Amino acid sequence: MEQPDLPALVERSRARRNAIDPSEVTYFIGRETVVRRKDGKALPWLVEVVFSFMLRNSSEAIDYYHLPRDEVVEIGRQFAI
């Protein structure tokens, strides 16, 4: 299983004489929140329960990419299922 480490890649690119200063890098990630539809056209109950369980138990992008939490900007949205 692949585990990318973005800060290490930035540091490696700096070692190859790229003009990237790791202390000045800001990472932007997206977060999605699932809400239940109010118009009666929601997913079947079992599908919604399984999807919600899988979404809650998935790892965060910050952890997956090994990002420093104080250098991350999260942009979120809600979508209805």
N, C-alpha and C. Protein backbone atom coordinates (compact mmCIF):
# COMPACT_ATOMS: atom_id res chain seq x y z
N MET A 1 0.84 -1.17 0.00
CA MET A 1 0.00 0.00 0.00
C MET A 1 0.89 1.25 0.00
N GLU A 2 0.56 2.16 -0.87
CA GLU A 2 1.36 3.37 -1.00
C GLU A 2 1.00 4.38 0.08
N GLN A 3 2.00 5.03 0.64
CA GLN A 3 1.81 6.06 1.67
C GLN A 3 2.63 7.29 1.27
N PRO A 4 2.07 8.19 0.46
CA PRO A 4 2.82 9.36 0.02
C PRO A 4 3.12 10.30 1.18
N ASP A 5 4.28 10.90 1.13
CA ASP A 5 4.73 11.85 2.15
C ASP A 5 5.07 13.15 1.43
N LEU A 6 4.10 14.06 1.33
CA LEU A 6 4.30 15.28 0.57
C LEU A 6 5.39 16.19 1.12
N PRO A 7 5.49 16.41 2.44
CA PRO A 7 6.59 17.24 2.93
C PRO A 7 7.98 16.67 2.57
N ALA A 8 8.11 15.36 2.57
CA ALA A 8 9.39 14.76 2.17
C ALA A 8 9.66 14.99 0.69
N LEU A 9 8.62 14.94 -0.14
CA LEU A 9 8.79 15.21 -1.56
C LEU A 9 9.18 16.67 -1.81
N VAL A 10 8.61 17.59 -1.05
CA VAL A 10 8.98 19.00 -1.18
C VAL A 10 10.45 19.17 -0.80
N GLU A 11 10.85 18.51 0.27
CA GLU A 11 12.25 18.59 0.70
C GLU A 11 13.19 18.00 -0.35
N ARG A 12 12.80 16.87 -0.95
CA ARG A 12 13.62 16.26 -2.01
C ARG A 12 13.72 17.17 -3.22
N SER A 13 12.64 17.86 -3.56
CA SER A 13 12.69 18.77 -4.70
C SER A 13 13.60 19.96 -4.40
N ARG A 14 13.64 20.37 -3.15
CA ARG A 14 14.54 21.46 -2.76
C ARG A 14 15.99 21.01 -2.88
N ALA A 15 16.26 19.76 -2.55
CA ALA A 15 17.62 19.23 -2.68
C ALA A 15 18.07 19.19 -4.14
N ARG A 16 17.09 19.16 -5.05
CA ARG A 16 17.42 19.17 -6.49
C ARG A 16 17.44 20.60 -7.05
N ARG A 17 17.59 21.56 -6.16
CA ARG A 17 17.75 22.98 -6.51
C ARG A 17 16.49 23.64 -7.06
N ASN A 18 15.35 23.18 -6.64
CA ASN A 18 14.11 23.89 -6.95
C ASN A 18 13.91 24.98 -5.91
N ALA A 19 13.29 26.04 -6.30
CA ALA A 19 13.14 27.20 -5.41
C ALA A 19 11.91 27.07 -4.51
N ILE A 20 11.80 25.97 -3.79
CA ILE A 20 10.68 25.77 -2.87
C ILE A 20 11.23 25.73 -1.45
N ASP A 21 10.71 26.63 -0.63
CA ASP A 21 11.10 26.65 0.77
C ASP A 21 10.02 25.92 1.56
N PRO A 22 10.34 24.75 2.15
CA PRO A 22 9.31 23.97 2.86
C PRO A 22 8.61 24.73 3.98
N SER A 23 9.26 25.73 4.55
CA SER A 23 8.62 26.48 5.63
C SER A 23 7.57 27.45 5.11
N GLU A 24 7.53 27.69 3.80
CA GLU A 24 6.56 28.62 3.22
C GLU A 24 5.47 27.91 2.41
N VAL A 25 5.40 26.59 2.50
CA VAL A 25 4.41 25.83 1.74
C VAL A 25 3.11 25.75 2.55
N THR A 26 1.99 25.99 1.87
CA THR A 26 0.67 25.81 2.45
C THR A 26 -0.06 24.76 1.64
N TYR A 27 -0.63 23.78 2.31
CA TYR A 27 -1.35 22.70 1.65
C TYR A 27 -2.84 22.97 1.73
N PHE A 28 -3.55 22.76 0.64
CA PHE A 28 -5.00 22.94 0.59
C PHE A 28 -5.64 21.58 0.35
N ILE A 29 -6.59 21.23 1.20
CA ILE A 29 -7.30 19.95 1.04
C ILE A 29 -8.79 20.21 1.13
N GLY A 30 -9.56 19.29 0.58
CA GLY A 30 -11.01 19.40 0.62
C GLY A 30 -11.61 18.38 1.57
N ARG A 31 -12.70 18.75 2.18
CA ARG A 31 -13.43 17.85 3.07
C ARG A 31 -14.90 17.89 2.69
N GLU A 32 -15.50 16.74 2.63
CA GLU A 32 -16.91 16.66 2.29
C GLU A 32 -17.69 16.10 3.46
N THR A 33 -18.83 16.69 3.73
CA THR A 33 -19.73 16.22 4.77
C THR A 33 -21.02 15.77 4.11
N VAL A 34 -21.46 14.59 4.45
CA VAL A 34 -22.67 14.03 3.86
C VAL A 34 -23.84 14.31 4.78
N VAL A 35 -24.92 14.81 4.20
CA VAL A 35 -26.15 15.04 4.95
C VAL A 35 -27.29 14.32 4.23
N ARG A 36 -28.34 14.03 4.97
CA ARG A 36 -29.49 13.31 4.41
C ARG A 36 -30.36 14.29 3.62
N ARG A 37 -30.85 13.85 2.48
CA ARG A 37 -31.74 14.67 1.66
C ARG A 37 -33.06 14.87 2.37
N LYS A 38 -33.62 16.05 2.24
CA LYS A 38 -34.88 16.39 2.89
C LYS A 38 -36.08 16.23 1.97
N ASP A 39 -35.85 15.97 0.67
CA ASP A 39 -36.96 15.92 -0.27
C ASP A 39 -37.55 14.53 -0.46
N GLY A 40 -37.12 13.56 0.35
CA GLY A 40 -37.68 12.22 0.26
C GLY A 40 -37.05 11.34 -0.80
N LYS A 41 -36.02 11.83 -1.49
CA LYS A 41 -35.36 11.06 -2.54
C LYS A 41 -33.99 10.55 -2.07
N ALA A 42 -33.86 10.32 -0.80
CA ALA A 42 -32.58 9.87 -0.24
C ALA A 42 -32.29 8.43 -0.65
N LEU A 43 -31.06 8.01 -0.42
CA LEU A 43 -30.67 6.63 -0.68
C LEU A 43 -31.45 5.68 0.23
N PRO A 44 -31.57 4.42 -0.15
CA PRO A 44 -32.19 3.45 0.76
C PRO A 44 -31.42 3.40 2.09
N TRP A 45 -32.12 3.10 3.14
CA TRP A 45 -31.57 3.16 4.49
C TRP A 45 -30.28 2.35 4.61
N LEU A 46 -30.24 1.12 4.14
CA LEU A 46 -29.07 0.27 4.29
C LEU A 46 -27.86 0.83 3.54
N VAL A 47 -28.08 1.33 2.35
CA VAL A 47 -27.00 1.92 1.56
C VAL A 47 -26.44 3.15 2.27
N GLU A 48 -27.31 3.96 2.82
CA GLU A 48 -26.88 5.15 3.53
C GLU A 48 -26.06 4.79 4.78
N VAL A 49 -26.50 3.79 5.52
CA VAL A 49 -25.78 3.36 6.73
C VAL A 49 -24.38 2.86 6.37
N VAL A 50 -24.29 2.02 5.34
CA VAL A 50 -22.99 1.48 4.93
C VAL A 50 -22.08 2.61 4.44
N PHE A 51 -22.60 3.50 3.61
CA PHE A 51 -21.81 4.61 3.10
C PHE A 51 -21.33 5.51 4.23
N SER A 52 -22.20 5.84 5.17
CA SER A 52 -21.82 6.68 6.31
C SER A 52 -20.74 6.02 7.15
N PHE A 53 -20.88 4.71 7.38
CA PHE A 53 -19.88 3.98 8.15
C PHE A 53 -18.51 4.03 7.46
N MET A 54 -18.51 3.78 6.16
CA MET A 54 -17.24 3.78 5.42
C MET A 54 -16.61 5.17 5.39
N LEU A 55 -17.42 6.20 5.24
CA LEU A 55 -16.90 7.57 5.22
C LEU A 55 -16.32 7.96 6.57
N ARG A 56 -17.00 7.61 7.66
CA ARG A 56 -16.50 7.93 9.00
C ARG A 56 -15.19 7.22 9.31
N ASN A 57 -15.02 6.00 8.80
CA ASN A 57 -13.84 5.21 9.13
C ASN A 57 -12.69 5.38 8.14
N SER A 58 -12.86 6.20 7.14
CA SER A 58 -11.77 6.45 6.21
C SER A 58 -10.75 7.39 6.86
N SER A 59 -9.52 7.31 6.42
CA SER A 59 -8.48 8.16 7.01
C SER A 59 -8.58 9.57 6.46
N GLU A 60 -8.10 10.51 7.23
CA GLU A 60 -8.09 11.90 6.80
C GLU A 60 -6.98 12.13 5.80
N ALA A 61 -7.17 13.08 4.92
CA ALA A 61 -6.14 13.41 3.92
C ALA A 61 -4.86 13.91 4.60
N ILE A 62 -5.01 14.61 5.71
CA ILE A 62 -3.84 15.12 6.43
C ILE A 62 -2.96 13.97 6.88
N ASP A 63 -3.55 12.91 7.40
CA ASP A 63 -2.78 11.77 7.85
C ASP A 63 -2.23 10.96 6.67
N TYR A 64 -3.02 10.80 5.62
CA TYR A 64 -2.60 10.01 4.47
C TYR A 64 -1.38 10.60 3.79
N TYR A 65 -1.36 11.93 3.64
CA TYR A 65 -0.24 12.59 2.98
C TYR A 65 0.85 13.06 3.95
N HIS A 66 0.70 12.78 5.24
CA HIS A 66 1.67 13.16 6.28
C HIS A 66 1.89 14.67 6.32
N LEU A 67 0.81 15.43 6.27
CA LEU A 67 0.90 16.88 6.24
C LEU A 67 0.98 17.44 7.66
N PRO A 68 1.77 18.49 7.85
CA PRO A 68 1.79 19.16 9.15
C PRO A 68 0.49 19.94 9.34
N ARG A 69 -0.20 19.71 10.43
CA ARG A 69 -1.54 20.28 10.64
C ARG A 69 -1.56 21.80 10.68
N ASP A 70 -0.47 22.43 11.07
CA ASP A 70 -0.46 23.90 11.13
C ASP A 70 -0.17 24.55 9.78
N GLU A 71 0.01 23.76 8.73
CA GLU A 71 0.27 24.30 7.39
C GLU A 71 -0.81 23.88 6.40
N VAL A 72 -1.99 23.51 6.90
CA VAL A 72 -3.05 23.00 6.05
C VAL A 72 -4.27 23.92 6.13
N VAL A 73 -4.86 24.19 4.96
CA VAL A 73 -6.12 24.91 4.87
C VAL A 73 -7.15 23.92 4.34
N GLU A 74 -8.23 23.74 5.10
CA GLU A 74 -9.29 22.81 4.68
C GLU A 74 -10.45 23.59 4.10
N ILE A 75 -10.90 23.15 2.94
CA ILE A 75 -12.06 23.75 2.29
C ILE A 75 -13.14 22.68 2.27
N GLY A 76 -14.28 22.98 2.86
CA GLY A 76 -15.30 21.95 3.00
C GLY A 76 -16.59 22.29 2.27
N ARG A 77 -17.37 21.25 2.06
CA ARG A 77 -18.70 21.40 1.48
C ARG A 77 -19.59 20.29 1.99
N GLN A 78 -20.88 20.52 1.92
CA GLN A 78 -21.85 19.50 2.29
C GLN A 78 -22.57 19.04 1.02
N PHE A 79 -22.86 17.76 0.96
CA PHE A 79 -23.69 17.27 -0.13
C PHE A 79 -24.69 16.28 0.41
N ALA A 80 -25.83 16.28 -0.19
CA ALA A 80 -26.94 15.44 0.28
C ALA A 80 -27.04 14.16 -0.53
N ILE A 81 -27.25 13.05 0.19
CA ILE A 81 -27.46 11.76 -0.49
C ILE A 81 -28.80 11.21 -0.11
